């Protein structure tokens, strides 16, 4: 369709990154790779079939794995605690 026009890809990419950063700022959780995730989704057409599932897998799933690894490795020692507080 018209929305998939390759000549507009530059505009969609140019708007995706600042939009992602603004939403991150509003959430108080800025993470620059979030902008890269938006670009990857726009550039790689096969990901369009995943739609919102792309946010959950691999992006959110990968982040959850990192947090689990951090919890495990940082709590092996009695001298360390991660996270410092739970809210």
Protein backbone atom coordinates (compact mmCIF):
# COMPACT_ATOMS: atom_id res chain seq x y z
CA UNK A 1 0.00 0.00 0.00
CA UNK A 2 0.88 3.66 0.06
CA UNK A 3 2.16 3.42 3.65
CA UNK A 4 4.75 0.85 2.53
CA UNK A 5 6.13 3.15 -0.17
CA UNK A 6 9.93 2.81 -0.10
CA UNK A 7 10.38 6.50 -0.91
CA UNK A 8 8.84 7.36 2.47
CA UNK A 9 11.10 5.04 4.46
CA UNK A 10 13.51 7.87 5.27
CA UNK A 11 10.65 9.89 6.76
CA UNK A 12 9.32 7.00 8.85
CA UNK A 13 12.82 6.27 10.19
CA UNK A 14 13.42 9.96 10.86
CA UNK A 15 10.21 10.14 12.91
CA UNK A 16 10.56 6.76 14.66
CA UNK A 17 13.68 7.57 16.68
CA UNK A 18 12.55 10.91 18.12
CA UNK A 19 9.10 9.44 18.81
CA UNK A 20 10.67 6.54 20.71
CA UNK A 21 12.91 8.92 22.67
CA UNK A 22 9.99 11.21 23.56
CA UNK A 23 7.97 8.24 24.84
CA UNK A 24 10.97 7.05 26.84
CA UNK A 25 11.40 10.53 28.33
CA UNK A 26 7.71 10.59 29.27
CA UNK A 27 8.12 7.21 30.97
CA UNK A 28 11.31 8.36 32.70
CA UNK A 29 13.29 5.47 31.23
CA UNK A 30 15.51 6.59 28.36
CA UNK A 31 17.40 3.76 26.71
CA UNK A 32 18.99 4.65 23.33
CA UNK A 33 18.75 1.11 21.90
CA UNK A 34 14.99 1.62 21.98
CA UNK A 35 15.42 4.00 19.06
CA UNK A 36 17.46 1.37 17.25
CA UNK A 37 14.66 -1.15 17.80
CA UNK A 38 12.25 1.24 16.09
CA UNK A 39 14.62 1.59 13.12
CA UNK A 40 15.14 -2.16 12.83
CA UNK A 41 11.39 -2.72 12.78
CA UNK A 42 10.91 -0.20 9.98
CA UNK A 43 13.83 -1.31 7.81
CA UNK A 44 13.30 -5.08 8.02
CA UNK A 45 10.04 -5.78 6.21
CA UNK A 46 9.65 -9.40 7.48
CA UNK A 47 9.28 -7.99 11.00
CA UNK A 48 6.11 -6.17 9.91
CA UNK A 49 4.32 -9.52 10.06
CA UNK A 50 5.10 -9.71 13.78
CA UNK A 51 3.54 -6.30 14.43
CA UNK A 52 3.43 -5.59 18.19
CA UNK A 53 4.82 -9.07 18.93
CA UNK A 54 8.23 -7.71 17.90
CA UNK A 55 8.22 -5.58 21.07
CA UNK A 56 7.55 -8.62 23.24
CA UNK A 57 9.87 -10.96 21.43
CA UNK A 58 12.82 -10.53 21.09
CA UNK A 59 13.11 -7.03 22.59
CA UNK A 60 11.25 -7.48 25.90
CA UNK A 61 12.17 -11.16 26.19
CA UNK A 62 15.86 -10.28 25.82
CA UNK A 63 15.58 -7.56 28.46
CA UNK A 64 13.90 -10.02 30.85
CA UNK A 65 16.74 -12.49 30.35
CA UNK A 66 19.29 -9.76 31.15
CA UNK A 67 17.46 -8.85 34.37
CA UNK A 68 17.31 -12.51 35.43
CA UNK A 69 21.04 -12.91 34.82
CA UNK A 70 21.72 -9.71 36.80
CA UNK A 71 19.57 -10.97 39.69
CA UNK A 72 21.38 -14.29 39.72
CA UNK A 73 24.96 -13.06 39.40
CA UNK A 74 24.64 -10.06 41.72
CA UNK A 75 22.99 -12.00 44.52
CA UNK A 76 25.46 -14.89 44.61
CA UNK A 77 27.58 -13.00 47.14
CA UNK A 78 26.24 -11.92 50.54
CA UNK A 79 28.17 -8.66 50.10
CA UNK A 80 26.07 -7.63 47.08
CA UNK A 81 22.37 -7.09 46.53
CA UNK A 82 20.55 -6.41 43.31
CA UNK A 83 18.33 -4.51 43.07
CA UNK A 84 19.11 -2.22 45.98
CA UNK A 85 15.39 -1.59 46.55
CA UNK A 86 12.19 -2.91 45.02
CA UNK A 87 10.43 0.53 44.75
